[in-house]
Amino acid sequence: TISRDNAKNTVYLQLNSLKPEDTAVYYCRAFSSNDDYWG
């Protein structure tokens, strides 16, 4: 589940029922038509 707290400028990703195939590096992205940023 993805959610956001606009007051904190923070986005969350709740990961439940995790599986071995979910193993990865997870990257945050913020973008618009003119800008594109990655964590």
PDB file of all heavy atoms in Angstrom:
ATOM      1  N   THR A   1       0.840  -1.193   0.000  1.00  0.00           N
ATOM      2  CA  THR A   1       0.000   0.000   0.000  1.00  0.00           C
ATOM      3  C   THR A   1       0.875   1.243   0.000  1.00  0.00           C
ATOM      4  O   THR A   1       1.755   1.380   0.861  1.00  0.00           O
ATOM      5  CB  THR A   1      -0.925   0.036   1.221  1.00  0.00           C
ATOM      6  OG1 THR A   1      -1.726  -1.152   1.251  1.00  0.00           O
ATOM      7  CG2 THR A   1      -1.837   1.247   1.177  1.00  0.00           C
ATOM      8  N   ILE A   2       0.623   2.143  -0.944  1.00  0.00           N
ATOM      9  CA  ILE A   2       1.333   3.410  -0.994  1.00  0.00           C
ATOM     10  C   ILE A   2       0.447   4.482  -0.389  1.00  0.00           C
ATOM     11  O   ILE A   2      -0.776   4.486  -0.586  1.00  0.00           O
ATOM     12  CB  ILE A   2       1.746   3.769  -2.442  1.00  0.00           C
ATOM     13  CG1 ILE A   2       2.685   4.971  -2.447  1.00  0.00           C
ATOM     14  CG2 ILE A   2       0.527   3.993  -3.331  1.00  0.00           C
ATOM     15  CD1 ILE A   2       3.329   5.241  -3.816  1.00  0.00           C
ATOM     16  N   SER A   3       1.048   5.383   0.369  1.00  0.00           N
ATOM     17  CA  SER A   3       0.303   6.474   0.983  1.00  0.00           C
ATOM     18  C   SER A   3       1.228   7.683   1.093  1.00  0.00           C
ATOM     19  O   SER A   3       2.437   7.575   0.903  1.00  0.00           O
ATOM     20  CB  SER A   3      -0.231   6.068   2.360  1.00  0.00           C
ATOM     21  OG  SER A   3       0.839   5.755   3.236  1.00  0.00           O
ATOM     22  N   ARG A   4       0.632   8.828   1.413  1.00  0.00           N
ATOM     23  CA  ARG A   4       1.439  10.027   1.531  1.00  0.00           C
ATOM     24  C   ARG A   4       0.948  10.897   2.667  1.00  0.00           C
ATOM     25  O   ARG A   4      -0.242  10.922   2.980  1.00  0.00           O
ATOM     26  CB  ARG A   4       1.432  10.805   0.206  1.00  0.00           C
ATOM     27  CG  ARG A   4       0.071  11.318  -0.239  1.00  0.00           C
ATOM     28  CD  ARG A   4       0.114  11.837  -1.671  1.00  0.00           C
ATOM     29  NE  ARG A   4       1.047  12.953  -1.804  1.00  0.00           N
ATOM     30  CZ  ARG A   4       1.520  13.392  -2.968  1.00  0.00           C
ATOM     31  NH1 ARG A   4       1.168  12.779  -4.092  1.00  0.00           N
ATOM     32  NH2 ARG A   4       2.343  14.412  -3.027  1.00  0.00           N
ATOM     33  N   ASP A   5       1.897  11.608   3.280  1.00  0.00           N
ATOM     34  CA  ASP A   5       1.605  12.602   4.305  1.00  0.00           C
ATOM     35  C   ASP A   5       2.095  13.926   3.740  1.00  0.00           C
ATOM     36  O   ASP A   5       3.294  14.212   3.763  1.00  0.00           O
ATOM     37  CB  ASP A   5       2.318  12.239   5.608  1.00  0.00           C
ATOM     38  CG  ASP A   5       1.976  13.197   6.739  1.00  0.00           C
ATOM     39  OD1 ASP A   5       1.636  14.363   6.466  1.00  0.00           O
ATOM     40  OD2 ASP A   5       2.073  12.775   7.895  1.00  0.00           O
ATOM     41  N   ASN A   6       1.190  14.721   3.213  1.00  0.00           N
ATOM     42  CA  ASN A   6       1.591  15.964   2.549  1.00  0.00           C
ATOM     43  C   ASN A   6       2.238  16.948   3.521  1.00  0.00           C
ATOM     44  O   ASN A   6       3.133  17.698   3.137  1.00  0.00           O
ATOM     45  CB  ASN A   6       0.384  16.610   1.872  1.00  0.00           C
ATOM     46  CG  ASN A   6      -0.098  15.809   0.675  1.00  0.00           C
ATOM     47  OD1 ASN A   6       0.693  15.140   0.008  1.00  0.00           O
ATOM     48  ND2 ASN A   6      -1.387  15.860   0.408  1.00  0.00           N
ATOM     49  N   ALA A   7       1.800  16.947   4.755  1.00  0.00           N
ATOM     50  CA  ALA A   7       2.374  17.858   5.740  1.00  0.00           C
ATOM     51  C   ALA A   7       3.851  17.569   5.986  1.00  0.00           C
ATOM     52  O   ALA A   7       4.629  18.462   6.306  1.00  0.00           O
ATOM     53  CB  ALA A   7       1.597  17.777   7.041  1.00  0.00           C
ATOM     54  N   LYS A   8       4.223  16.297   5.841  1.00  0.00           N
ATOM     55  CA  LYS A   8       5.614  15.892   6.071  1.00  0.00           C
ATOM     56  C   LYS A   8       6.382  15.698   4.768  1.00  0.00           C
ATOM     57  O   LYS A   8       7.555  15.319   4.792  1.00  0.00           O
ATOM     58  CB  LYS A   8       5.656  14.591   6.872  1.00  0.00           C
ATOM     59  CG  LYS A   8       5.095  14.709   8.281  1.00  0.00           C
ATOM     60  CD  LYS A   8       5.213  13.384   9.025  1.00  0.00           C
ATOM     61  CE  LYS A   8       4.692  13.508  10.446  1.00  0.00           C
ATOM     62  NZ  LYS A   8       4.803  12.225  11.188  1.00  0.00           N
ATOM     63  N   ASN A   9       5.709  15.927   3.627  1.00  0.00           N
ATOM     64  CA  ASN A   9       6.342  15.686   2.315  1.00  0.00           C
ATOM     65  C   ASN A   9       6.929  14.276   2.231  1.00  0.00           C
ATOM     66  O   ASN A   9       8.013  14.066   1.658  1.00  0.00           O
ATOM     67  CB  ASN A   9       7.432  16.715   2.023  1.00  0.00           C
ATOM     68  CG  ASN A   9       6.864  18.075   1.706  1.00  0.00           C
ATOM     69  OD1 ASN A   9       5.741  18.193   1.220  1.00  0.00           O
ATOM     70  ND2 ASN A   9       7.622  19.113   2.002  1.00  0.00           N
ATOM     71  N   THR A  10       6.220  13.331   2.799  1.00  0.00           N
ATOM     72  CA  THR A  10       6.714  11.965   2.888  1.00  0.00           C
ATOM     73  C   THR A  10       5.725  10.997   2.252  1.00  0.00           C
ATOM     74  O   THR A  10       4.509  11.138   2.428  1.00  0.00           O
ATOM     75  CB  THR A  10       6.958  11.575   4.351  1.00  0.00           C
ATOM     76  OG1 THR A  10       7.956  12.449   4.897  1.00  0.00           O
ATOM     77  CG2 THR A  10       7.458  10.136   4.465  1.00  0.00           C
ATOM     78  N   VAL A  11       6.272  10.041   1.513  1.00  0.00           N
ATOM     79  CA  VAL A  11       5.475   8.968   0.929  1.00  0.00           C
ATOM     80  C   VAL A  11       5.910   7.657   1.573  1.00  0.00           C
ATOM     81  O   VAL A  11       7.109   7.454   1.835  1.00  0.00           O
ATOM     82  CB  VAL A  11       5.674   8.909  -0.592  1.00  0.00           C
ATOM     83  CG1 VAL A  11       5.019   7.665  -1.180  1.00  0.00           C
ATOM     84  CG2 VAL A  11       5.070  10.138  -1.247  1.00  0.00           C
ATOM     85  N   TYR A  12       4.949   6.803   1.832  1.00  0.00           N
ATOM     86  CA  TYR A  12       5.217   5.528   2.491  1.00  0.00           C
ATOM     87  C   TYR A  12       4.846   4.363   1.565  1.00  0.00           C
ATOM     88  O   TYR A  12       3.969   4.490   0.705  1.00  0.00           O
ATOM     89  CB  TYR A  12       4.407   5.405   3.781  1.00  0.00           C
ATOM     90  CG  TYR A  12       4.628   6.532   4.738  1.00  0.00           C
ATOM     91  CD1 TYR A  12       3.762   7.627   4.776  1.00  0.00           C
ATOM     92  CD2 TYR A  12       5.712   6.527   5.608  1.00  0.00           C
ATOM     93  CE1 TYR A  12       3.962   8.678   5.646  1.00  0.00           C
ATOM     94  CE2 TYR A  12       5.927   7.569   6.491  1.00  0.00           C
ATOM     95  CZ  TYR A  12       5.044   8.642   6.510  1.00  0.00           C
ATOM     96  OH  TYR A  12       5.258   9.680   7.368  1.00  0.00           O
ATOM     97  N   LEU A  13       5.514   3.250   1.769  1.00  0.00           N
ATOM     98  CA  LEU A  13       5.123   2.018   1.109  1.00  0.00           C
ATOM     99  C   LEU A  13       5.058   0.934   2.175  1.00  0.00           C
ATOM    100  O   LEU A  13       6.087   0.565   2.748  1.00  0.00           O
ATOM    101  CB  LEU A  13       6.107   1.624   0.007  1.00  0.00           C
ATOM    102  CG  LEU A  13       5.695   0.403  -0.823  1.00  0.00           C
ATOM    103  CD1 LEU A  13       4.471   0.739  -1.681  1.00  0.00           C
ATOM    104  CD2 LEU A  13       6.849  -0.056  -1.722  1.00  0.00           C
ATOM    105  N   GLN A  14       3.848   0.469   2.458  1.00  0.00           N
ATOM    106  CA  GLN A  14       3.644  -0.623   3.404  1.00  0.00           C
ATOM    107  C   GLN A  14       3.724  -1.934   2.642  1.00  0.00           C
ATOM    108  O   GLN A  14       2.959  -2.150   1.700  1.00  0.00           O
ATOM    109  CB  GLN A  14       2.284  -0.492   4.081  1.00  0.00           C
ATOM    110  CG  GLN A  14       1.976  -1.592   5.071  1.00  0.00           C
ATOM    111  CD  GLN A  14       2.861  -1.560   6.298  1.00  0.00           C
ATOM    112  OE1 GLN A  14       3.163  -0.489   6.825  1.00  0.00           O
ATOM    113  NE2 GLN A  14       3.299  -2.735   6.754  1.00  0.00           N
ATOM    114  N   LEU A  15       4.650  -2.786   3.045  1.00  0.00           N
ATOM    115  CA  LEU A  15       4.858  -4.064   2.378  1.00  0.00           C
ATOM    116  C   LEU A  15       4.412  -5.175   3.319  1.00  0.00           C
ATOM    117  O   LEU A  15       5.012  -5.379   4.376  1.00  0.00           O
ATOM    118  CB  LEU A  15       6.332  -4.270   2.036  1.00  0.00           C
ATOM    119  CG  LEU A  15       7.017  -3.350   1.016  1.00  0.00           C
ATOM    120  CD1 LEU A  15       7.261  -1.957   1.581  1.00  0.00           C
ATOM    121  CD2 LEU A  15       8.324  -3.949   0.570  1.00  0.00           C
ATOM    122  N   ASN A  16       3.353  -5.869   2.951  1.00  0.00           N
ATOM    123  CA  ASN A  16       2.828  -6.983   3.733  1.00  0.00           C
ATOM    124  C   ASN A  16       2.939  -8.285   2.952  1.00  0.00           C
ATOM    125  O   ASN A  16       3.102  -8.279   1.727  1.00  0.00           O
ATOM    126  CB  ASN A  16       1.369  -6.738   4.103  1.00  0.00           C
ATOM    127  CG  ASN A  16       1.177  -5.550   5.004  1.00  0.00           C
ATOM    128  OD1 ASN A  16       2.055  -5.185   5.794  1.00  0.00           O
ATOM    129  ND2 ASN A  16       0.021  -4.914   4.894  1.00  0.00           N
ATOM    130  N   SER A  17       2.865  -9.398   3.666  1.00  0.00           N
ATOM    131  CA  SER A  17       2.912 -10.725   3.039  1.00  0.00           C
ATOM    132  C   SER A  17       4.095 -10.832   2.083  1.00  0.00           C
ATOM    133  O   SER A  17       3.965 -11.280   0.935  1.00  0.00           O
ATOM    134  CB  SER A  17       1.600 -11.006   2.288  1.00  0.00           C
ATOM    135  OG  SER A  17       0.494 -10.924   3.158  1.00  0.00           O
ATOM    136  N   LEU A  18       5.254 -10.425   2.567  1.00  0.00           N
ATOM    137  CA  LEU A  18       6.432 -10.379   1.708  1.00  0.00           C
ATOM    138  C   LEU A  18       6.862 -11.768   1.251  1.00  0.00           C
ATOM    139  O   LEU A  18       6.724 -12.756   1.991  1.00  0.00           O
ATOM    140  CB  LEU A  18       7.575  -9.684   2.435  1.00  0.00           C
ATOM    141  CG  LEU A  18       7.462  -8.158   2.445  1.00  0.00           C
ATOM    142  CD1 LEU A  18       8.314  -7.549   3.534  1.00  0.00           C
ATOM    143  CD2 LEU A  18       7.860  -7.597   1.085  1.00  0.00           C
ATOM    144  N   LYS A  19       7.375 -11.811   0.032  1.00  0.00           N
ATOM    145  CA  LYS A  19       7.835 -13.048  -0.582  1.00  0.00           C
ATOM    146  C   LYS A  19       9.311 -12.893  -0.942  1.00  0.00           C
ATOM    147  O   LYS A  19       9.792 -11.773  -1.146  1.00  0.00           O
ATOM    148  CB  LYS A  19       7.047 -13.324  -1.866  1.00  0.00           C
ATOM    149  CG  LYS A  19       5.544 -13.356  -1.695  1.00  0.00           C
ATOM    150  CD  LYS A  19       4.851 -13.500  -3.037  1.00  0.00           C
ATOM    151  CE  LYS A  19       3.334 -13.508  -2.885  1.00  0.00           C
ATOM    152  NZ  LYS A  19       2.652 -13.640  -4.203  1.00  0.00           N
ATOM    153  N   PRO A  20      10.045 -13.997  -1.059  1.00  0.00           N
ATOM    154  CA  PRO A  20      11.461 -13.895  -1.450  1.00  0.00           C
ATOM    155  C   PRO A  20      11.652 -13.135  -2.762  1.00  0.00           C
ATOM    156  O   PRO A  20      12.657 -12.426  -2.917  1.00  0.00           O
ATOM    157  CB  PRO A  20      11.881 -15.355  -1.578  1.00  0.00           C
ATOM    158  CG  PRO A  20      11.008 -16.078  -0.597  1.00  0.00           C
ATOM    159  CD  PRO A  20       9.683 -15.375  -0.677  1.00  0.00           C
ATOM    160  N   GLU A  21      10.708 -13.245  -3.665  1.00  0.00           N
ATOM    161  CA  GLU A  21      10.833 -12.538  -4.945  1.00  0.00           C
ATOM    162  C   GLU A  21      10.640 -11.029  -4.820  1.00  0.00           C
ATOM    163  O   GLU A  21      10.824 -10.299  -5.806  1.00  0.00           O
ATOM    164  CB  GLU A  21       9.858 -13.108  -5.995  1.00  0.00           C
ATOM    165  CG  GLU A  21       8.424 -13.215  -5.540  1.00  0.00           C
ATOM    166  CD  GLU A  21       8.064 -14.599  -5.024  1.00  0.00           C
ATOM    167  OE1 GLU A  21       8.881 -15.190  -4.265  1.00  0.00           O
ATOM    168  OE2 GLU A  21       6.970 -15.079  -5.367  1.00  0.00           O
ATOM    169  N   ASP A  22      10.274 -10.541  -3.649  1.00  0.00           N
ATOM    170  CA  ASP A  22      10.206  -9.100  -3.413  1.00  0.00           C
ATOM    171  C   ASP A  22      11.576  -8.525  -3.060  1.00  0.00           C
ATOM    172  O   ASP A  22      11.716  -7.307  -2.935  1.00  0.00           O
ATOM    173  CB  ASP A  22       9.231  -8.789  -2.268  1.00  0.00           C
ATOM    174  CG  ASP A  22       7.791  -9.133  -2.611  1.00  0.00           C
ATOM    175  OD1 ASP A  22       7.366  -8.843  -3.746  1.00  0.00           O
ATOM    176  OD2 ASP A  22       7.107  -9.689  -1.730  1.00  0.00           O
ATOM    177  N   THR A  23      12.562  -9.384  -2.895  1.00  0.00           N
ATOM    178  CA  THR A  23      13.913  -8.924  -2.579  1.00  0.00           C
ATOM    179  C   THR A  23      14.446  -8.038  -3.688  1.00  0.00           C
ATOM    180  O   THR A  23      14.465  -8.422  -4.865  1.00  0.00           O
ATOM    181  CB  THR A  23      14.851 -10.128  -2.375  1.00  0.00           C
ATOM    182  OG1 THR A  23      14.425 -10.857  -1.223  1.00  0.00           O
ATOM    183  CG2 THR A  23      16.288  -9.670  -2.192  1.00  0.00           C
ATOM    184  N   ALA A  24      14.865  -6.830  -3.331  1.00  0.00           N
ATOM    185  CA  ALA A  24      15.345  -5.855  -4.313  1.00  0.00           C
ATOM    186  C   ALA A  24      15.797  -4.598  -3.583  1.00  0.00           C
ATOM    187  O   ALA A  24      15.562  -4.441  -2.382  1.00  0.00           O
ATOM    188  CB  ALA A  24      14.229  -5.491  -5.296  1.00  0.00           C
ATOM    189  N   VAL A  25      16.437  -3.710  -4.331  1.00  0.00           N
ATOM    190  CA  VAL A  25      16.649  -2.354  -3.851  1.00  0.00           C
ATOM    191  C   VAL A  25      15.419  -1.541  -4.256  1.00  0.00           C
ATOM    192  O   VAL A  25      15.035  -1.552  -5.432  1.00  0.00           O
ATOM    193  CB  VAL A  25      17.922  -1.728  -4.442  1.00  0.00           C
ATOM    194  CG1 VAL A  25      18.074  -0.286  -3.955  1.00  0.00           C
ATOM    195  CG2 VAL A  25      19.145  -2.550  -4.052  1.00  0.00           C
ATOM    196  N   TYR A  26      14.811  -0.882  -3.303  1.00  0.00           N
ATOM    197  CA  TYR A  26      13.603  -0.098  -3.542  1.00  0.00           C
ATOM    198  C   TYR A  26      13.992   1.375  -3.634  1.00  0.00           C
ATOM    199  O   TYR A  26      14.655   1.911  -2.735  1.00  0.00           O
ATOM    200  CB  TYR A  26      12.594  -0.332  -2.426  1.00  0.00           C
ATOM    201  CG  TYR A  26      11.881  -1.655  -2.569  1.00  0.00           C
ATOM    202  CD1 TYR A  26      12.558  -2.847  -2.351  1.00  0.00           C
ATOM    203  CD2 TYR A  26      10.537  -1.717  -2.936  1.00  0.00           C
ATOM    204  CE1 TYR A  26      11.922  -4.073  -2.507  1.00  0.00           C
ATOM    205  CE2 TYR A  26       9.886  -2.935  -3.086  1.00  0.00           C
ATOM    206  CZ  TYR A  26      10.584  -4.107  -2.876  1.00  0.00           C
ATOM    207  OH  TYR A  26       9.944  -5.318  -3.025  1.00  0.00           O
ATOM    208  N   TYR A  27      13.556   2.010  -4.725  1.00  0.00           N
ATOM    209  CA  TYR A  27      13.878   3.404  -4.990  1.00  0.00           C
ATOM    210  C   TYR A  27      12.621   4.266  -4.957  1.00  0.00           C
ATOM    211  O   TYR A  27      11.574   3.883  -5.498  1.00  0.00           O
ATOM    212  CB  TYR A  27      14.516   3.557  -6.374  1.00  0.00           C
ATOM    213  CG  TYR A  27      15.849   2.876  -6.526  1.00  0.00           C
ATOM    214  CD1 TYR A  27      15.925   1.557  -6.983  1.00  0.00           C
ATOM    215  CD2 TYR A  27      17.031   3.536  -6.217  1.00  0.00           C
ATOM    216  CE1 TYR A  27      17.146   0.924  -7.134  1.00  0.00           C
ATOM    217  CE2 TYR A  27      18.259   2.908  -6.375  1.00  0.00           C
ATOM    218  CZ  TYR A  27      18.307   1.602  -6.833  1.00  0.00           C
ATOM    219  OH  TYR A  27      19.517   0.991  -6.979  1.00  0.00           O
ATOM    220  N   CYS A  28      12.766   5.426  -4.383  1.00  0.00           N
ATOM    221  CA  CYS A  28      11.712   6.422  -4.368  1.00  0.00           C
ATOM    222  C   CYS A  28      11.916   7.341  -5.572  1.00  0.00           C
ATOM    223  O   CYS A  28      13.051   7.678  -5.923  1.00  0.00           O
ATOM    224  CB  CYS A  28      11.799   7.208  -3.069  1.00  0.00           C
ATOM    225  SG  CYS A  28      10.641   8.546  -2.919  1.00  0.00           S
ATOM    226  N   ARG A  29      10.812   7.758  -6.171  1.00  0.00           N
ATOM    227  CA  ARG A  29      10.864   8.659  -7.314  1.00  0.00           C
ATOM    228  C   ARG A  29       9.836   9.755  -7.133  1.00  0.00           C
ATOM    229  O   ARG A  29       8.740   9.526  -6.617  1.00  0.00           O
ATOM    230  CB  ARG A  29      10.582   7.892  -8.606  1.00  0.00           C
ATOM    231  CG  ARG A  29      10.700   8.729  -9.871  1.00  0.00           C
ATOM    232  CD  ARG A  29      10.242   7.950 -11.093  1.00  0.00           C
ATOM    233  NE  ARG A  29      10.422   8.709 -12.330  1.00  0.00           N
ATOM    234  CZ  ARG A  29       9.850   8.390 -13.502  1.00  0.00           C
ATOM    235  NH1 ARG A  29       9.087   7.305 -13.596  1.00  0.00           N
ATOM    236  NH2 ARG A  29      10.067   9.131 -14.564  1.00  0.00           N
ATOM    237  N   ALA A  30      10.193  10.963  -7.586  1.00  0.00           N
ATOM    238  CA  ALA A  30       9.279  12.103  -7.584  1.00  0.00           C
ATOM    239  C   ALA A  30       9.407  12.783  -8.940  1.00  0.00           C
ATOM    240  O   ALA A  30      10.517  13.123  -9.345  1.00  0.00           O
ATOM    241  CB  ALA A  30       9.606  13.073  -6.463  1.00  0.00           C
ATOM    242  N   PHE A  31       8.285  12.970  -9.639  1.00  0.00           N
ATOM    243  CA  PHE A  31       8.421  13.510 -10.982  1.00  0.00           C
ATOM    244  C   PHE A  31       7.190  14.295 -11.413  1.00  0.00           C
ATOM    245  O   PHE A  31       6.108  14.204 -10.833  1.00  0.00           O
ATOM    246  CB  PHE A  31       8.725  12.396 -11.987  1.00  0.00           C
ATOM    247  CG  PHE A  31       7.638  11.353 -12.130  1.00  0.00           C
ATOM    248  CD1 PHE A  31       6.715  11.440 -13.161  1.00  0.00           C
ATOM    249  CD2 PHE A  31       7.559  10.281 -11.254  1.00  0.00           C
ATOM    250  CE1 PHE A  31       5.733  10.479 -13.313  1.00  0.00           C
ATOM    251  CE2 PHE A  31       6.578   9.312 -11.395  1.00  0.00           C
ATOM    252  CZ  PHE A  31       5.658   9.402 -12.428  1.00  0.00           C
ATOM    253  N   SER A  32       7.425  15.111 -12.453  1.00  0.00           N
ATOM    254  CA  SER A  32       6.374  15.848 -13.130  1.00  0.00           C
ATOM    255  C   SER A  32       6.747  15.849 -14.606  1.00  0.00           C
ATOM    256  O   SER A  32       7.690  15.164 -15.012  1.00  0.00           O
ATOM    257  CB  SER A  32       6.263  17.260 -12.574  1.00  0.00           C
ATOM    258  OG  SER A  32       7.445  17.987 -12.871  1.00  0.00           O
ATOM    259  N   SER A  33       6.067  16.645 -15.393  1.00  0.00           N
ATOM    260  CA  SER A  33       6.381  16.694 -16.821  1.00  0.00           C
ATOM    261  C   SER A  33       7.749  17.304 -17.072  1.00  0.00           C
ATOM    262  O   SER A  33       8.374  17.047 -18.105  1.00  0.00           O
ATOM    263  CB  SER A  33       5.305  17.480 -17.570  1.00  0.00           C
ATOM    264  OG  SER A  33       5.179  18.772 -17.033  1.00  0.00           O
ATOM    265  N   ASN A  34       8.235  18.104 -16.130  1.00  0.00           N
ATOM    266  CA  ASN A  34       9.502  18.796 -16.339  1.00  0.00           C
ATOM    267  C   ASN A  34      10.647  18.303 -15.463  1.00  0.00           C
ATOM    268  O   ASN A  34      11.805  18.628 -15.743  1.00  0.00           O
ATOM    269  CB  ASN A  34       9.333  20.299 -16.075  1.00  0.00           C
ATOM    270  CG  ASN A  34       8.371  20.945 -17.052  1.00  0.00           C
ATOM    271  OD1 ASN A  34       8.391  20.652 -18.241  1.00  0.00           O
ATOM    272  ND2 ASN A  34       7.522  21.817 -16.550  1.00  0.00           N
ATOM    273  N   ASP A  35      10.352  17.594 -14.423  1.00  0.00           N
ATOM    274  CA  ASP A  35      11.365  17.207 -13.449  1.00  0.00           C
ATOM    275  C   ASP A  35      11.271  15.723 -13.119  1.00  0.00           C
ATOM    276  O   ASP A  35      10.193  15.142 -13.169  1.00  0.00           O
ATOM    277  CB  ASP A  35      11.210  18.010 -12.149  1.00  0.00           C
ATOM    278  CG  ASP A  35      11.317  19.501 -12.383  1.00  0.00           C
ATOM    279  OD1 ASP A  35      12.410  19.950 -12.762  1.00  0.00           O
ATOM    280  OD2 ASP A  35      10.307  20.201 -12.188  1.00  0.00           O
ATOM    281  N   ASP A  36      12.397  15.152 -12.719  1.00  0.00           N
ATOM    282  CA  ASP A  36      12.444  13.728 -12.394  1.00  0.00           C
ATOM    283  C   ASP A  36      13.562  13.507 -11.395  1.00  0.00           C
ATOM    284  O   ASP A  36      14.741  13.759 -11.702  1.00  0.00           O
ATOM    285  CB  ASP A  36      12.694  12.912 -13.663  1.00  0.00           C
ATOM    286  CG  ASP A  36      12.399  11.441 -13.470  1.00  0.00           C
ATOM    287  OD1 ASP A  36      12.158  11.024 -12.314  1.00  0.00           O
ATOM    288  OD2 ASP A  36      12.405  10.685 -14.462  1.00  0.00           O
ATOM    289  N   TYR A  37      13.200  13.050 -10.182  1.00  0.00           N
ATOM    290  CA  TYR A  37      14.176  12.866  -9.113  1.00  0.00           C
ATOM    291  C   TYR A  37      14.069  11.449  -8.551  1.00  0.00           C
ATOM    292  O   TYR A  37      12.972  10.892  -8.446  1.00  0.00           O
ATOM    293  CB  TYR A  37      13.947  13.869  -7.978  1.00  0.00           C
ATOM    294  CG  TYR A  37      13.997  15.308  -8.434  1.00  0.00           C
ATOM    295  CD1 TYR A  37      12.829  15.996  -8.730  1.00  0.00           C
ATOM    296  CD2 TYR A  37      15.219  15.977  -8.559  1.00  0.00           C
ATOM    297  CE1 TYR A  37      12.865  17.312  -9.145  1.00  0.00           C
ATOM    298  CE2 TYR A  37      15.260  17.297  -8.980  1.00  0.00           C
ATOM    299  CZ  TYR A  37      14.078  17.953  -9.263  1.00  0.00           C
ATOM    300  OH  TYR A  37      14.124  19.264  -9.682  1.00  0.00           O
ATOM    301  N   TRP A  38      15.246  10.918  -8.140  1.00  0.00           N
ATOM    302  CA  TRP A  38      15.309   9.574  -7.566  1.00  0.00           C
ATOM    303  C   TRP A  38      16.062   9.618  -6.241  1.00  0.00           C
ATOM    304  O   TRP A  38      16.987  10.409  -6.071  1.00  0.00           O
ATOM    305  CB  TRP A  38      16.046   8.622  -8.506  1.00  0.00           C
ATOM    306  CG  TRP A  38      15.303   8.306  -9.764  1.00  0.00           C
ATOM    307  CD1 TRP A  38      15.300   9.030 -10.920  1.00  0.00           C
ATOM    308  CD2 TRP A  38      14.456   7.173 -10.002  1.00  0.00           C
ATOM    309  NE1 TRP A  38      14.502   8.427 -11.859  1.00  0.00           N
ATOM    310  CE2 TRP A  38      13.981   7.280 -11.330  1.00  0.00           C
ATOM    311  CE3 TRP A  38      14.067   6.082  -9.241  1.00  0.00           C
ATOM    312  CZ2 TRP A  38      13.119   6.330 -11.889  1.00  0.00           C
ATOM    313  CZ3 TRP A  38      13.209   5.141  -9.802  1.00  0.00           C
ATOM    314  CH2 TRP A  38      12.748   5.274 -11.120  1.00  0.00           C
ATOM    315  N   GLY A  39      15.671   8.743  -5.337  1.00  0.00           N
ATOM    316  CA  GLY A  39      16.417   8.554  -4.109  1.00  0.00           C
ATOM    317  C   GLY A  39      17.567   7.586  -4.322  1.00  0.00           C
ATOM    318  O   GLY A  39      17.755   7.050  -5.414  1.00  0.00           O
TER     319      GLY A  39
END
